[in-house]
Every structure is written in structure tokens, then in C-alpha cells.
Amino acid sequence: MKYVVFVISSLIGFVIGHYLLEGAAAAYASILISYHLFLVYLIVSAEHEKGLSMPIGMAIPTHAAFLALLIGMAYTRTHVPFFGLIRLLIPALAPFETKWLFSGRTKTQTGKALVPDVIPEATLDDHEAFREHLAQQNRPFRKPGRSLNEEFELWLADRARKRAQASTAAAVPGVSSGRGAAPLESQPRGSA
């Protein structure tokens, strides 16, 4: 569906630029209209929460920089032969801006989904072990964009989970619930 809307928005921009306007205004309007039509479609039909991924004071100049790039491409058509055909492909820049400026927060927050609701209290031993963990080459909780604090919380939760599993595994073979057979030493020798 995305490709169909891409072609339709490019054709709408081409028709406006070729049949309705003349001169430089035709080229600028063609590019800007087709680009914004496709951009609006991508924002509205996005699979993530709609919203700005940066403060509005930064998003406006960044979008203006995208528009300056588009207008620069329209201007170069007068100097480069056949560059007018490239204006049909200009809306292909819209997905980049959509992901960069208008992504908001993703529905599945990978870092926060791993952190449990209750983070265990860290001890001095935990901090020392985490310092040793930081010296390792391959750290399983290190991801781009994740802070050291988030990595510590994930590491600490994983360590607490592993400790709980080890304590239950150690306790299971030696636990007698009072039901079932008694241990071999306490059974009478004459019984089978």
C-alpha cells in the first residue's frame, strides 16, 4: 500500500507541476506537494505512536532543513539535464523523516519491557560484580541508546533471577514434603 501511495503522490505532484503551474513555482510546488502528501500518509498510517521524537523547537528547524534540501533539488533541475525526472522520486525521502522526526515512542519499548516492575536492592557486592561485568568485551545488556543505569537495572534483575533459580534448584533435591517415601537410610532393611 505504501508504494501505491508513493506513486499516487508523485503523480499528483507531477500533474500540479506540469499542468497547473509554470516556471520555478511549478517545480517547487510539484516537489513540496508530492513530498508532503506522502509524508502525511506515512505519519498517519505509522505502526508506532504518533508524535515528535524530539522537542518541537528542534523538530521545526529540522523539517525546514528537509524542505531546503527539497527546494535545492528543485533548483538544480535548471542546471542538470534530466534532473526534472528525479523530482518524481523526491517523496522517497519522506520515510527517513518520518522515522527520524515523527516516530514518537515505539509500541514495544525493548529496553523498558525487560526491566521488571520490582528491581531488587543492590548491595556493595552487586556493584563490584557489575564493575567486573563492565570490563567484559561482550555485555548482553549493552544496546545502542541504552544508558548505563538501564543496563545496571537489567543486569541486576537478571542476576536476582539467576540467584532465585539457583536457590530453588539447590533446595529441590533435599526437600522432603512429608509425602511419599522416606529416605533410604530410614527405611527398614527388610522392606523391598
Foldseek 3Di string as FASTA:
>chain_A
DLVVLLQVLLVVLQCCLPPVDDDLCSLLSSLVRSQVSSLVVCQVPPQFDWDFPDDPVVLVVVVVVLSVVSSVLSVCCVVDPPSSVCSSVNSVCSVVSCVHTTRHDGPDDPLVVLQDPDQDDDDPVLVVVVVVLVPDPDRPQDDPPDDPVSSSRNVRVVVVVVVVVVVVVVVVVPDDPPDDDDDPVPDDPPDD
